[in-house]
Amino acid sequence: MSTPTPTGRILATDTGLDLVVTRTLPGSIDDAWASITAPERTARWMGRWEGDAAPGKTVRLQLGFEADAPWSEVRIVACERPRLLHLVLLTAGAPWEVEVELTPAGERCELRFVHRAISADEAAGVGPGWEWYLDQLSASMHDQPLPAFEEYFPAQREYYEQQLP
C-alpha cells in the first residue's frame, strides 16, 4: 500500500486555521459542478444527500464511506453555479464550514477546497480525510477504483502536524 503525497496547507487566518486543498479535475467545470452537487454523483465519492438544496436551506447527507454510514445535516450558505459551494456541516461537535471553488482550466477544472476555522487538535486528522475524499472525487470522475482510507491515515498525519503554527 502506497501513501499518496499530501498537498493540503494549513494557513493561519484571523478566524483561526484554514485547511486548503487543491485538485485538478478531469473534464469541464460543469462536470465538476455536477460531481459535487448532484445526489447521484456525490454518492459515488462522499455520500448521498436528500432535501431541498438552496441557499439558506438544510439538506441531509449520508456519509457513505464512513463507519455506519451516518447522516449529517448540511446548511447551504451559498451556491453559485458552477463556481462556488459554501456549506456548514452540522456535525456532532462544532460545525464544519467548508467552501469549494471551481475554476475552468482548459479541458480540466481547478478545485480549491477550504475547511475554515479548524482547531489545531483536529487538523492532523481532518487533513488526511479531506485529501482522501478529494481523491475519491477525482477517481469517481475518472471511473477509476476509489482509494482506501488506510493509504491516507495515519500516514499523512505527520505532514499536517508539521504545518501547525
N, C-alpha and C. Protein backbone atom coordinates (compact mmCIF):
# COMPACT_ATOMS: atom_id res chain seq x y z
N MET A 1 0.86 -1.18 0.00
CA MET A 1 0.00 0.00 0.00
C MET A 1 0.90 1.24 0.00
N SER A 2 0.68 2.14 -0.96
CA SER A 2 1.48 3.35 -1.03
C SER A 2 0.68 4.54 -0.50
N THR A 3 1.39 5.47 0.09
CA THR A 3 0.75 6.67 0.64
C THR A 3 0.75 7.76 -0.42
N PRO A 4 -0.42 8.27 -0.79
CA PRO A 4 -0.46 9.41 -1.72
C PRO A 4 0.24 10.62 -1.09
N THR A 5 0.86 11.42 -1.92
CA THR A 5 1.53 12.62 -1.43
C THR A 5 0.50 13.66 -1.03
N PRO A 6 0.51 14.10 0.23
CA PRO A 6 -0.45 15.12 0.65
C PRO A 6 -0.10 16.47 0.01
N THR A 7 -1.12 17.26 -0.25
CA THR A 7 -0.91 18.55 -0.90
C THR A 7 -1.52 19.71 -0.13
N GLY A 8 -2.31 19.43 0.90
CA GLY A 8 -3.02 20.48 1.62
C GLY A 8 -2.08 21.38 2.40
N ARG A 9 -2.59 22.55 2.71
CA ARG A 9 -1.85 23.54 3.51
C ARG A 9 -2.73 24.01 4.65
N ILE A 10 -2.11 24.23 5.80
CA ILE A 10 -2.80 24.81 6.93
C ILE A 10 -2.34 26.26 7.01
N LEU A 11 -3.29 27.17 6.93
CA LEU A 11 -2.99 28.60 6.92
C LEU A 11 -3.61 29.28 8.14
N ALA A 12 -2.83 30.11 8.80
CA ALA A 12 -3.35 30.90 9.92
C ALA A 12 -4.12 32.08 9.34
N THR A 13 -5.35 32.29 9.84
CA THR A 13 -6.18 33.41 9.41
C THR A 13 -6.67 34.16 10.64
N ASP A 14 -7.42 35.23 10.42
CA ASP A 14 -7.98 36.00 11.54
C ASP A 14 -8.96 35.18 12.37
N THR A 15 -9.55 34.15 11.77
CA THR A 15 -10.55 33.34 12.48
C THR A 15 -10.00 32.00 12.95
N GLY A 16 -8.71 31.77 12.80
CA GLY A 16 -8.12 30.51 13.23
C GLY A 16 -7.31 29.88 12.12
N LEU A 17 -7.40 28.57 12.01
CA LEU A 17 -6.65 27.83 11.00
C LEU A 17 -7.59 27.37 9.89
N ASP A 18 -7.16 27.55 8.65
CA ASP A 18 -7.90 27.05 7.50
C ASP A 18 -7.07 25.95 6.84
N LEU A 19 -7.74 24.90 6.43
CA LEU A 19 -7.12 23.85 5.63
C LEU A 19 -7.49 24.12 4.18
N VAL A 20 -6.50 24.20 3.30
CA VAL A 20 -6.74 24.45 1.88
C VAL A 20 -6.13 23.29 1.09
N VAL A 21 -6.96 22.65 0.27
CA VAL A 21 -6.52 21.54 -0.57
C VAL A 21 -6.98 21.84 -1.99
N THR A 22 -6.09 21.65 -2.95
CA THR A 22 -6.45 21.89 -4.35
C THR A 22 -6.32 20.59 -5.14
N ARG A 23 -7.08 20.53 -6.21
CA ARG A 23 -7.02 19.40 -7.13
C ARG A 23 -7.30 19.92 -8.54
N THR A 24 -6.69 19.27 -9.53
CA THR A 24 -7.05 19.47 -10.92
C THR A 24 -7.93 18.28 -11.29
N LEU A 25 -9.16 18.58 -11.70
CA LEU A 25 -10.13 17.54 -12.01
C LEU A 25 -10.27 17.37 -13.51
N PRO A 26 -10.59 16.15 -13.94
CA PRO A 26 -10.81 15.93 -15.37
C PRO A 26 -12.12 16.55 -15.80
N GLY A 27 -12.21 16.91 -17.05
CA GLY A 27 -13.49 17.38 -17.58
C GLY A 27 -13.76 18.84 -17.31
N SER A 28 -14.93 19.25 -17.72
CA SER A 28 -15.34 20.65 -17.67
C SER A 28 -15.75 21.08 -16.27
N ILE A 29 -15.88 22.38 -16.09
CA ILE A 29 -16.37 22.92 -14.83
C ILE A 29 -17.79 22.44 -14.56
N ASP A 30 -18.60 22.29 -15.61
CA ASP A 30 -19.97 21.81 -15.43
C ASP A 30 -19.99 20.36 -14.93
N ASP A 31 -19.07 19.54 -15.44
CA ASP A 31 -18.99 18.16 -14.98
C ASP A 31 -18.52 18.11 -13.52
N ALA A 32 -17.55 18.94 -13.18
CA ALA A 32 -17.07 19.00 -11.79
C ALA A 32 -18.20 19.49 -10.87
N TRP A 33 -18.95 20.50 -11.32
CA TRP A 33 -20.06 21.01 -10.52
C TRP A 33 -21.09 19.90 -10.26
N ALA A 34 -21.42 19.16 -11.29
CA ALA A 34 -22.37 18.06 -11.11
C ALA A 34 -21.83 17.01 -10.13
N SER A 35 -20.53 16.77 -10.16
CA SER A 35 -19.93 15.79 -9.27
C SER A 35 -19.98 16.21 -7.81
N ILE A 36 -20.03 17.51 -7.54
CA ILE A 36 -20.07 17.96 -6.14
C ILE A 36 -21.47 18.38 -5.69
N THR A 37 -22.44 18.39 -6.62
CA THR A 37 -23.78 18.85 -6.22
C THR A 37 -24.92 17.87 -6.53
N ALA A 38 -24.80 17.05 -7.54
CA ALA A 38 -25.89 16.13 -7.91
C ALA A 38 -25.87 14.91 -6.98
N PRO A 39 -27.01 14.58 -6.36
CA PRO A 39 -27.02 13.48 -5.38
C PRO A 39 -26.46 12.16 -5.90
N GLU A 40 -26.78 11.80 -7.14
CA GLU A 40 -26.28 10.53 -7.66
C GLU A 40 -24.77 10.58 -7.91
N ARG A 41 -24.22 11.76 -8.12
CA ARG A 41 -22.78 11.90 -8.33
C ARG A 41 -22.03 11.99 -7.00
N THR A 42 -22.58 12.71 -6.01
CA THR A 42 -21.91 12.78 -4.71
C THR A 42 -21.89 11.41 -4.04
N ALA A 43 -22.89 10.59 -4.33
CA ALA A 43 -22.95 9.25 -3.75
C ALA A 43 -21.75 8.40 -4.17
N ARG A 44 -21.15 8.71 -5.31
CA ARG A 44 -20.01 7.93 -5.81
C ARG A 44 -18.75 8.14 -5.00
N TRP A 45 -18.61 9.32 -4.35
CA TRP A 45 -17.33 9.63 -3.70
C TRP A 45 -17.46 10.11 -2.26
N MET A 46 -18.61 10.60 -1.85
CA MET A 46 -18.77 11.08 -0.48
C MET A 46 -19.99 10.46 0.18
N GLY A 47 -21.11 10.61 -0.45
CA GLY A 47 -22.34 10.07 0.10
C GLY A 47 -23.54 10.73 -0.57
N ARG A 48 -24.68 10.11 -0.38
CA ARG A 48 -25.89 10.66 -0.99
C ARG A 48 -26.49 11.72 -0.08
N TRP A 49 -27.24 12.60 -0.69
CA TRP A 49 -27.93 13.62 0.10
C TRP A 49 -29.37 13.73 -0.37
N GLU A 50 -30.19 14.29 0.52
CA GLU A 50 -31.60 14.48 0.19
C GLU A 50 -32.08 15.78 0.80
N GLY A 51 -33.07 16.36 0.15
CA GLY A 51 -33.66 17.60 0.66
C GLY A 51 -33.76 18.65 -0.41
N ASP A 52 -34.23 19.82 -0.01
CA ASP A 52 -34.41 20.97 -0.88
C ASP A 52 -33.12 21.79 -0.86
N ALA A 53 -32.30 21.63 -1.88
CA ALA A 53 -30.99 22.27 -1.92
C ALA A 53 -31.09 23.69 -2.47
N ALA A 54 -30.90 24.66 -1.58
CA ALA A 54 -30.89 26.07 -1.96
C ALA A 54 -30.21 26.86 -0.84
N PRO A 55 -29.62 28.01 -1.17
CA PRO A 55 -29.00 28.81 -0.12
C PRO A 55 -29.99 29.09 1.02
N GLY A 56 -29.49 28.93 2.25
CA GLY A 56 -30.32 29.13 3.43
C GLY A 56 -31.06 27.89 3.88
N LYS A 57 -31.07 26.85 3.06
CA LYS A 57 -31.77 25.59 3.37
C LYS A 57 -30.78 24.59 3.96
N THR A 58 -31.34 23.55 4.58
CA THR A 58 -30.54 22.46 5.14
C THR A 58 -30.95 21.16 4.47
N VAL A 59 -29.95 20.37 4.06
CA VAL A 59 -30.18 19.05 3.48
C VAL A 59 -29.55 18.01 4.41
N ARG A 60 -29.90 16.77 4.16
CA ARG A 60 -29.30 15.66 4.91
C ARG A 60 -28.31 14.93 4.01
N LEU A 61 -27.12 14.67 4.54
CA LEU A 61 -26.05 13.96 3.82
C LEU A 61 -25.72 12.68 4.56
N GLN A 62 -25.76 11.56 3.84
CA GLN A 62 -25.34 10.30 4.42
C GLN A 62 -23.92 10.01 3.97
N LEU A 63 -23.00 10.00 4.91
CA LEU A 63 -21.60 9.77 4.60
C LEU A 63 -21.40 8.29 4.31
N GLY A 64 -21.45 7.95 3.04
CA GLY A 64 -21.47 6.57 2.60
C GLY A 64 -20.17 5.81 2.75
N PHE A 65 -19.08 6.50 3.07
CA PHE A 65 -17.80 5.83 3.17
C PHE A 65 -17.25 5.85 4.59
N GLU A 66 -18.07 6.27 5.54
CA GLU A 66 -17.69 6.30 6.94
C GLU A 66 -18.29 5.07 7.64
N ALA A 67 -17.73 4.70 8.78
CA ALA A 67 -18.27 3.59 9.55
C ALA A 67 -19.73 3.87 9.89
N ASP A 68 -20.58 2.90 9.69
CA ASP A 68 -22.01 3.01 9.98
C ASP A 68 -22.76 3.99 9.09
N ALA A 69 -22.12 4.57 8.09
CA ALA A 69 -22.76 5.49 7.13
C ALA A 69 -23.71 6.48 7.82
N PRO A 70 -23.17 7.34 8.70
CA PRO A 70 -24.04 8.25 9.46
C PRO A 70 -24.65 9.35 8.58
N TRP A 71 -25.76 9.88 9.05
CA TRP A 71 -26.41 11.03 8.40
C TRP A 71 -25.96 12.30 9.12
N SER A 72 -25.79 13.37 8.36
CA SER A 72 -25.45 14.68 8.92
C SER A 72 -26.35 15.74 8.28
N GLU A 73 -26.58 16.79 9.02
CA GLU A 73 -27.29 17.94 8.48
C GLU A 73 -26.25 18.87 7.84
N VAL A 74 -26.59 19.44 6.70
CA VAL A 74 -25.69 20.34 5.98
C VAL A 74 -26.48 21.59 5.58
N ARG A 75 -26.03 22.74 6.09
CA ARG A 75 -26.67 24.01 5.73
C ARG A 75 -25.95 24.61 4.52
N ILE A 76 -26.72 25.00 3.53
CA ILE A 76 -26.15 25.61 2.32
C ILE A 76 -26.09 27.12 2.54
N VAL A 77 -24.89 27.64 2.61
CA VAL A 77 -24.69 29.07 2.82
C VAL A 77 -24.76 29.80 1.49
N ALA A 78 -24.05 29.29 0.49
CA ALA A 78 -24.04 29.90 -0.85
C ALA A 78 -23.90 28.79 -1.88
N CYS A 79 -24.54 29.02 -3.01
CA CYS A 79 -24.48 28.06 -4.12
C CYS A 79 -24.54 28.90 -5.40
N GLU A 80 -23.38 29.13 -5.99
CA GLU A 80 -23.27 29.97 -7.19
C GLU A 80 -22.77 29.09 -8.33
N ARG A 81 -23.72 28.47 -9.01
CA ARG A 81 -23.40 27.54 -10.09
C ARG A 81 -22.63 28.21 -11.20
N PRO A 82 -21.60 27.65 -11.73
CA PRO A 82 -20.90 26.42 -11.37
C PRO A 82 -19.58 26.69 -10.65
N ARG A 83 -19.51 27.75 -9.86
CA ARG A 83 -18.21 28.15 -9.32
C ARG A 83 -18.02 28.02 -7.81
N LEU A 84 -19.08 28.16 -7.02
CA LEU A 84 -18.89 28.22 -5.57
C LEU A 84 -19.98 27.46 -4.83
N LEU A 85 -19.56 26.63 -3.91
CA LEU A 85 -20.47 25.95 -2.99
C LEU A 85 -19.91 26.16 -1.59
N HIS A 86 -20.69 26.81 -0.72
CA HIS A 86 -20.28 27.12 0.64
C HIS A 86 -21.27 26.43 1.58
N LEU A 87 -20.76 25.55 2.43
CA LEU A 87 -21.60 24.72 3.29
C LEU A 87 -21.15 24.79 4.74
N VAL A 88 -22.08 24.48 5.64
CA VAL A 88 -21.75 24.25 7.03
C VAL A 88 -22.27 22.86 7.38
N LEU A 89 -21.34 21.96 7.71
CA LEU A 89 -21.71 20.61 8.12
C LEU A 89 -21.97 20.64 9.61
N LEU A 90 -23.18 20.31 9.98
CA LEU A 90 -23.59 20.38 11.38
C LEU A 90 -23.28 19.04 12.03
N THR A 91 -22.03 18.88 12.42
CA THR A 91 -21.53 17.63 12.99
C THR A 91 -21.90 17.53 14.46
N ALA A 92 -21.60 16.38 15.05
CA ALA A 92 -21.90 16.16 16.47
C ALA A 92 -21.14 17.15 17.35
N GLY A 93 -19.95 17.54 16.94
CA GLY A 93 -19.17 18.53 17.68
C GLY A 93 -19.45 19.91 17.13
N ALA A 94 -18.40 20.68 16.96
CA ALA A 94 -18.53 22.02 16.39
C ALA A 94 -18.85 21.92 14.89
N PRO A 95 -19.64 22.86 14.36
CA PRO A 95 -19.93 22.85 12.91
C PRO A 95 -18.65 23.00 12.10
N TRP A 96 -18.66 22.39 10.92
CA TRP A 96 -17.54 22.50 9.98
C TRP A 96 -17.98 23.36 8.82
N GLU A 97 -17.25 24.45 8.59
CA GLU A 97 -17.54 25.34 7.47
C GLU A 97 -16.58 25.01 6.33
N VAL A 98 -17.14 24.67 5.16
CA VAL A 98 -16.32 24.32 4.01
C VAL A 98 -16.78 25.08 2.77
N GLU A 99 -15.82 25.37 1.91
CA GLU A 99 -16.11 26.00 0.61
C GLU A 99 -15.41 25.23 -0.48
N VAL A 100 -16.07 25.12 -1.60
CA VAL A 100 -15.47 24.54 -2.80
C VAL A 100 -15.59 25.59 -3.90
N GLU A 101 -14.45 25.97 -4.46
CA GLU A 101 -14.42 26.91 -5.58
C GLU A 101 -13.91 26.18 -6.80
N LEU A 102 -14.59 26.35 -7.93
CA LEU A 102 -14.19 25.73 -9.18
C LEU A 102 -13.81 26.81 -10.19
N THR A 103 -12.74 26.54 -10.94
CA THR A 103 -12.28 27.46 -11.98
C THR A 103 -11.95 26.65 -13.22
N PRO A 104 -12.49 27.03 -14.38
CA PRO A 104 -12.14 26.28 -15.59
C PRO A 104 -10.65 26.43 -15.91
N ALA A 105 -10.06 25.35 -16.41
CA ALA A 105 -8.65 25.34 -16.79
C ALA A 105 -8.51 24.53 -18.06
N GLY A 106 -8.84 25.16 -19.19
CA GLY A 106 -8.81 24.45 -20.46
C GLY A 106 -9.87 23.36 -20.46
N GLU A 107 -9.44 22.13 -20.73
CA GLU A 107 -10.37 21.00 -20.73
C GLU A 107 -10.51 20.36 -19.36
N ARG A 108 -9.95 20.99 -18.36
CA ARG A 108 -10.00 20.50 -16.98
C ARG A 108 -10.63 21.55 -16.09
N CYS A 109 -10.60 21.27 -14.80
CA CYS A 109 -11.19 22.19 -13.84
C CYS A 109 -10.30 22.21 -12.59
N GLU A 110 -10.03 23.40 -12.09
CA GLU A 110 -9.28 23.54 -10.84
C GLU A 110 -10.26 23.63 -9.69
N LEU A 111 -10.03 22.83 -8.65
CA LEU A 111 -10.86 22.84 -7.46
C LEU A 111 -10.01 23.35 -6.30
N ARG A 112 -10.58 24.28 -5.55
CA ARG A 112 -9.94 24.78 -4.32
C ARG A 112 -10.92 24.52 -3.20
N PHE A 113 -10.52 23.67 -2.27
CA PHE A 113 -11.33 23.29 -1.14
C PHE A 113 -10.78 23.96 0.11
N VAL A 114 -11.65 24.58 0.90
CA VAL A 114 -11.23 25.23 2.14
C VAL A 114 -12.12 24.76 3.28
N HIS A 115 -11.50 24.23 4.32
CA HIS A 115 -12.20 23.91 5.57
C HIS A 115 -11.78 25.00 6.54
N ARG A 116 -12.71 25.88 6.88
CA ARG A 116 -12.42 27.07 7.67
C ARG A 116 -12.41 26.78 9.17
N ALA A 117 -11.56 27.51 9.86
CA ALA A 117 -11.53 27.57 11.33
C ALA A 117 -11.45 26.19 11.99
N ILE A 118 -10.48 25.38 11.54
CA ILE A 118 -10.29 24.09 12.20
C ILE A 118 -9.40 24.30 13.42
N SER A 119 -9.52 23.43 14.39
CA SER A 119 -8.67 23.53 15.57
C SER A 119 -7.35 22.81 15.30
N ALA A 120 -6.32 23.21 16.03
CA ALA A 120 -5.02 22.56 15.90
C ALA A 120 -5.14 21.07 16.24
N ASP A 121 -6.02 20.74 17.19
CA ASP A 121 -6.19 19.35 17.61
C ASP A 121 -6.77 18.48 16.49
N GLU A 122 -7.63 19.04 15.65
CA GLU A 122 -8.27 18.22 14.63
C GLU A 122 -7.57 18.27 13.27
N ALA A 123 -6.65 19.20 13.08
CA ALA A 123 -6.02 19.41 11.77
C ALA A 123 -5.31 18.17 11.23
N ALA A 124 -4.60 17.45 12.08
CA ALA A 124 -3.82 16.30 11.62
C ALA A 124 -4.71 15.13 11.20
N GLY A 125 -5.95 15.10 11.67
CA GLY A 125 -6.87 14.05 11.25
C GLY A 125 -7.76 14.49 10.11
N VAL A 126 -8.17 15.75 10.13
CA VAL A 126 -9.06 16.29 9.10
C VAL A 126 -8.33 16.42 7.76
N GLY A 127 -7.07 16.83 7.79
CA GLY A 127 -6.31 16.98 6.54
C GLY A 127 -6.27 15.71 5.71
N PRO A 128 -5.81 14.59 6.29
CA PRO A 128 -5.81 13.35 5.51
C PRO A 128 -7.20 12.92 5.06
N GLY A 129 -8.21 13.21 5.88
CA GLY A 129 -9.57 12.85 5.50
C GLY A 129 -10.04 13.58 4.26
N TRP A 130 -9.79 14.89 4.20
CA TRP A 130 -10.21 15.64 3.02
C TRP A 130 -9.35 15.28 1.80
N GLU A 131 -8.06 14.99 2.01
CA GLU A 131 -7.23 14.52 0.89
C GLU A 131 -7.88 13.27 0.27
N TRP A 132 -8.30 12.35 1.14
CA TRP A 132 -8.92 11.10 0.70
C TRP A 132 -10.22 11.37 -0.04
N TYR A 133 -11.09 12.19 0.55
CA TYR A 133 -12.36 12.47 -0.12
C TYR A 133 -12.14 13.13 -1.49
N LEU A 134 -11.22 14.07 -1.59
CA LEU A 134 -11.00 14.75 -2.87
C LEU A 134 -10.36 13.81 -3.89
N ASP A 135 -9.53 12.88 -3.44
CA ASP A 135 -9.00 11.87 -4.36
C ASP A 135 -10.11 10.90 -4.79
N GLN A 136 -11.07 10.64 -3.90
CA GLN A 136 -12.23 9.83 -4.28
C GLN A 136 -13.05 10.56 -5.34
N LEU A 137 -13.22 11.87 -5.16
CA LEU A 137 -13.93 12.68 -6.16
C LEU A 137 -13.26 12.53 -7.52
N SER A 138 -11.96 12.74 -7.56
CA SER A 138 -11.23 12.63 -8.82
C SER A 138 -11.35 11.23 -9.42
N ALA A 139 -11.19 10.21 -8.59
CA ALA A 139 -11.31 8.83 -9.10
C ALA A 139 -12.70 8.56 -9.64
N SER A 140 -13.74 9.09 -8.95
CA SER A 140 -15.10 8.86 -9.43
C SER A 140 -15.34 9.54 -10.77
N MET A 141 -14.69 10.67 -11.00
CA MET A 141 -14.83 11.37 -12.28
C MET A 141 -14.06 10.67 -13.39
N HIS A 142 -13.03 9.91 -13.03
CA HIS A 142 -12.24 9.14 -14.00
C HIS A 142 -12.77 7.72 -14.18
N ASP A 143 -13.83 7.36 -13.42
CA ASP A 143 -14.32 5.98 -13.39
C ASP A 143 -13.21 5.00 -13.01
N GLN A 144 -12.39 5.41 -12.02
CA GLN A 144 -11.32 4.57 -11.50
C GLN A 144 -11.70 4.04 -10.13
N PRO A 145 -11.01 2.99 -9.66
CA PRO A 145 -11.27 2.48 -8.31
C PRO A 145 -11.00 3.57 -7.27
N LEU A 146 -11.80 3.59 -6.22
CA LEU A 146 -11.64 4.57 -5.16
C LEU A 146 -10.46 4.18 -4.27
N PRO A 147 -9.69 5.17 -3.79
CA PRO A 147 -8.57 4.85 -2.90
C PRO A 147 -9.07 4.39 -1.52
N ALA A 148 -8.21 3.69 -0.82
CA ALA A 148 -8.53 3.22 0.53
C ALA A 148 -8.11 4.27 1.56
N PHE A 149 -8.95 4.50 2.54
CA PHE A 149 -8.65 5.49 3.58
C PHE A 149 -7.34 5.16 4.30
N GLU A 150 -7.05 3.87 4.47
CA GLU A 150 -5.84 3.45 5.17
C GLU A 150 -4.56 3.94 4.47
N GLU A 151 -4.64 4.32 3.21
CA GLU A 151 -3.49 4.87 2.50
C GLU A 151 -3.21 6.31 2.93
N TYR A 152 -4.18 6.96 3.57
CA TYR A 152 -4.09 8.37 3.93
C TYR A 152 -3.87 8.59 5.43
N PHE A 153 -4.55 7.80 6.22
CA PHE A 153 -4.47 8.00 7.67
C PHE A 153 -4.12 6.69 8.34
N PRO A 154 -3.10 6.67 9.17
CA PRO A 154 -2.40 7.79 9.78
C PRO A 154 -1.17 8.27 9.01
N ALA A 155 -0.92 7.73 7.81
CA ALA A 155 0.31 8.02 7.07
C ALA A 155 0.54 9.52 6.82
N GLN A 156 -0.51 10.30 6.59
CA GLN A 156 -0.34 11.72 6.29
C GLN A 156 -0.42 12.61 7.54
N ARG A 157 -0.65 12.01 8.67
CA ARG A 157 -0.82 12.77 9.91
C ARG A 157 0.37 13.68 10.20
N GLU A 158 1.57 13.15 10.11
CA GLU A 158 2.77 13.92 10.43
C GLU A 158 2.92 15.14 9.50
N TYR A 159 2.60 14.96 8.23
CA TYR A 159 2.66 16.07 7.27
C TYR A 159 1.85 17.25 7.79
N TYR A 160 0.65 16.99 8.27
CA TYR A 160 -0.22 18.06 8.76
C TYR A 160 0.23 18.58 10.13
N GLU A 161 0.72 17.72 10.98
CA GLU A 161 1.23 18.16 12.28
C GLU A 161 2.38 19.14 12.12
N GLN A 162 3.22 18.91 11.12
CA GLN A 162 4.39 19.77 10.89
C GLN A 162 4.00 21.16 10.39
N GLN A 163 2.78 21.32 9.89
CA GLN A 163 2.34 22.62 9.40
C GLN A 163 1.72 23.51 10.47
N LEU A 164 1.44 22.94 11.61
CA LEU A 164 0.76 23.72 12.65
C LEU A 164 1.66 24.83 13.18
N PRO A 165 1.07 26.01 13.38
CA PRO A 165 1.87 27.14 13.87
C PRO A 165 2.26 26.95 15.33
